[in-house]
Amino acid sequence: MDIIEVIKSGKCNEADLLEFITNNDIEIAIAAAESELATEPILDIAAHDRDKKVRMAALNNPNIGDKTLKFLFNDQDEDIVALAKSILKRRN
């Protein structure tokens, strides 16, 4: 079973996700950010990633915290900014 399958099957823990979220393989980092097991701290790390796809994956995870959403209000990508604002508005 490859790493992405392990992540998607939920056969990993928070320590594993922490390692995967910082992986240089973008597909692995995206899978970690999309995981339903990803916690707020894991998603906050993903939200700081240089790659837009990783930040977007974190943004689309329902476990993302309000603090991280607010951080993404200042993202360099206007799509991420708009989505972060929209998600926070729906929550309030």
C-alpha atoms as a PDB file:
ATOM      1  CA  MET A   1       0.000   0.000   0.000  1.00  0.00           C
ATOM      2  CA  ASP A   2       1.474   3.363  -0.969  1.00  0.00           C
ATOM      3  CA  ILE A   3       1.482   6.434   1.286  1.00  0.00           C
ATOM      4  CA  ILE A   4      -1.527   8.096  -0.342  1.00  0.00           C
ATOM      5  CA  GLU A   5      -3.588   4.911   0.076  1.00  0.00           C
ATOM      6  CA  VAL A   6      -2.539   4.733   3.744  1.00  0.00           C
ATOM      7  CA  ILE A   7      -3.682   8.334   4.261  1.00  0.00           C
ATOM      8  CA  LYS A   8      -6.986   7.874   2.428  1.00  0.00           C
ATOM      9  CA  SER A   9      -7.749   4.633   4.260  1.00  0.00           C
ATOM     10  CA  GLY A  10      -7.272   6.353   7.627  1.00  0.00           C
ATOM     11  CA  LYS A  11      -4.498   3.961   8.633  1.00  0.00           C
ATOM     12  CA  CYS A  12      -2.270   6.717   9.936  1.00  0.00           C
ATOM     13  CA  ASN A  13      -2.129   8.883  13.016  1.00  0.00           C
ATOM     14  CA  GLU A  14      -1.472  12.557  13.704  1.00  0.00           C
ATOM     15  CA  ALA A  15       2.303  12.049  13.842  1.00  0.00           C
ATOM     16  CA  ASP A  16       2.163  10.391  10.414  1.00  0.00           C
ATOM     17  CA  LEU A  17       0.040  13.226   9.014  1.00  0.00           C
ATOM     18  CA  LEU A  18       2.500  15.765  10.396  1.00  0.00           C
ATOM     19  CA  GLU A  19       5.268  14.044   8.456  1.00  0.00           C
ATOM     20  CA  PHE A  20       3.130  13.734   5.319  1.00  0.00           C
ATOM     21  CA  ILE A  21       1.877  17.342   5.336  1.00  0.00           C
ATOM     22  CA  THR A  22       5.460  18.571   5.009  1.00  0.00           C
ATOM     23  CA  ASN A  23       6.404  16.007   2.355  1.00  0.00           C
ATOM     24  CA  ASN A  24       8.058  17.378  -0.771  1.00  0.00           C
ATOM     25  CA  ASP A  25       5.729  15.203  -2.849  1.00  0.00           C
ATOM     26  CA  ILE A  26       2.784  17.569  -3.354  1.00  0.00           C
ATOM     27  CA  GLU A  27       0.291  14.734  -3.895  1.00  0.00           C
ATOM     28  CA  ILE A  28       1.163  13.270  -0.486  1.00  0.00           C
ATOM     29  CA  ALA A  29       0.861  16.677   1.188  1.00  0.00           C
ATOM     30  CA  ILE A  30      -2.524  17.221  -0.495  1.00  0.00           C
ATOM     31  CA  ALA A  31      -3.791  13.811   0.632  1.00  0.00           C
ATOM     32  CA  ALA A  32      -2.722  14.609   4.202  1.00  0.00           C
ATOM     33  CA  ALA A  33      -4.495  17.992   4.083  1.00  0.00           C
ATOM     34  CA  GLU A  34      -7.647  16.326   2.746  1.00  0.00           C
ATOM     35  CA  SER A  35      -7.674  13.629   5.432  1.00  0.00           C
ATOM     36  CA  GLU A  36     -10.636  13.598   7.767  1.00  0.00           C
ATOM     37  CA  LEU A  37      -8.095  12.799  10.495  1.00  0.00           C
ATOM     38  CA  ALA A  38      -6.199  16.058   9.923  1.00  0.00           C
ATOM     39  CA  THR A  39      -6.422  18.234  13.030  1.00  0.00           C
ATOM     40  CA  GLU A  40      -6.396  22.028  13.230  1.00  0.00           C
ATOM     41  CA  PRO A  41      -2.614  22.192  13.814  1.00  0.00           C
ATOM     42  CA  ILE A  42      -1.956  19.940  10.809  1.00  0.00           C
ATOM     43  CA  LEU A  43      -4.222  22.072   8.619  1.00  0.00           C
ATOM     44  CA  ASP A  44      -2.566  25.243   9.866  1.00  0.00           C
ATOM     45  CA  ILE A  45       0.775  23.902   8.647  1.00  0.00           C
ATOM     46  CA  ALA A  46      -0.823  23.060   5.294  1.00  0.00           C
ATOM     47  CA  ALA A  47      -2.275  26.572   5.069  1.00  0.00           C
ATOM     48  CA  HIS A  48       1.281  27.946   5.241  1.00  0.00           C
ATOM     49  CA  ASP A  49       2.523  25.747   2.379  1.00  0.00           C
ATOM     50  CA  ARG A  50       4.004  27.411  -0.699  1.00  0.00           C
ATOM     51  CA  ASP A  51       1.872  25.287  -3.012  1.00  0.00           C
ATOM     52  CA  LYS A  52      -1.633  26.587  -3.731  1.00  0.00           C
ATOM     53  CA  LYS A  53      -3.021  23.052  -4.091  1.00  0.00           C
ATOM     54  CA  VAL A  54      -1.926  22.148  -0.560  1.00  0.00           C
ATOM     55  CA  ARG A  55      -3.395  25.380   0.855  1.00  0.00           C
ATOM     56  CA  MET A  56      -6.639  24.757  -1.055  1.00  0.00           C
ATOM     57  CA  ALA A  57      -6.834  21.179   0.262  1.00  0.00           C
ATOM     58  CA  ALA A  58      -6.501  22.487   3.815  1.00  0.00           C
ATOM     59  CA  LEU A  59      -9.139  25.106   3.130  1.00  0.00           C
ATOM     60  CA  ASN A  60     -11.585  22.482   1.896  1.00  0.00           C
ATOM     61  CA  ASN A  61     -11.134  20.313   4.975  1.00  0.00           C
ATOM     62  CA  PRO A  62     -14.036  20.850   7.419  1.00  0.00           C
ATOM     63  CA  ASN A  63     -11.607  20.506  10.344  1.00  0.00           C
ATOM     64  CA  ILE A  64      -9.881  23.800   9.493  1.00  0.00           C
ATOM     65  CA  GLY A  65     -10.030  26.274  12.356  1.00  0.00           C
ATOM     66  CA  ASP A  66     -11.278  29.844  12.258  1.00  0.00           C
ATOM     67  CA  LYS A  67      -7.798  31.184  13.097  1.00  0.00           C
ATOM     68  CA  THR A  68      -6.372  29.423  10.038  1.00  0.00           C
ATOM     69  CA  LEU A  69      -9.225  30.674   7.875  1.00  0.00           C
ATOM     70  CA  LYS A  70      -8.459  34.222   8.988  1.00  0.00           C
ATOM     71  CA  PHE A  71      -4.775  33.672   8.205  1.00  0.00           C
ATOM     72  CA  LEU A  72      -5.788  32.725   4.653  1.00  0.00           C
ATOM     73  CA  PHE A  73      -7.580  36.087   4.253  1.00  0.00           C
ATOM     74  CA  ASN A  74      -4.095  37.414   3.461  1.00  0.00           C
ATOM     75  CA  ASP A  75      -3.148  34.696   0.982  1.00  0.00           C
ATOM     76  CA  GLN A  76      -1.461  35.704  -2.266  1.00  0.00           C
ATOM     77  CA  ASP A  77      -4.134  33.847  -4.250  1.00  0.00           C
ATOM     78  CA  GLU A  78      -7.478  35.631  -4.565  1.00  0.00           C
ATOM     79  CA  ASP A  79      -9.406  32.337  -4.951  1.00  0.00           C
ATOM     80  CA  ILE A  80      -8.121  31.156  -1.591  1.00  0.00           C
ATOM     81  CA  VAL A  81      -8.931  34.502   0.034  1.00  0.00           C
ATOM     82  CA  ALA A  82     -12.488  34.468  -1.330  1.00  0.00           C
ATOM     83  CA  LEU A  83     -13.127  30.868  -0.280  1.00  0.00           C
ATOM     84  CA  ALA A  84     -11.680  31.414   3.210  1.00  0.00           C
ATOM     85  CA  LYS A  85     -13.945  34.413   3.721  1.00  0.00           C
ATOM     86  CA  SER A  86     -16.956  32.513   2.397  1.00  0.00           C
ATOM     87  CA  ILE A  87     -16.362  29.533   4.692  1.00  0.00           C
ATOM     88  CA  LEU A  88     -15.958  31.724   7.766  1.00  0.00           C
ATOM     89  CA  LYS A  89     -19.088  33.707   6.879  1.00  0.00           C
ATOM     90  CA  ARG A  90     -21.113  30.463   6.604  1.00  0.00           C
ATOM     91  CA  ARG A  91     -19.864  29.368  10.016  1.00  0.00           C
ATOM     92  CA  ASN A  92     -20.970  32.568  11.741  1.00  0.00           C
END
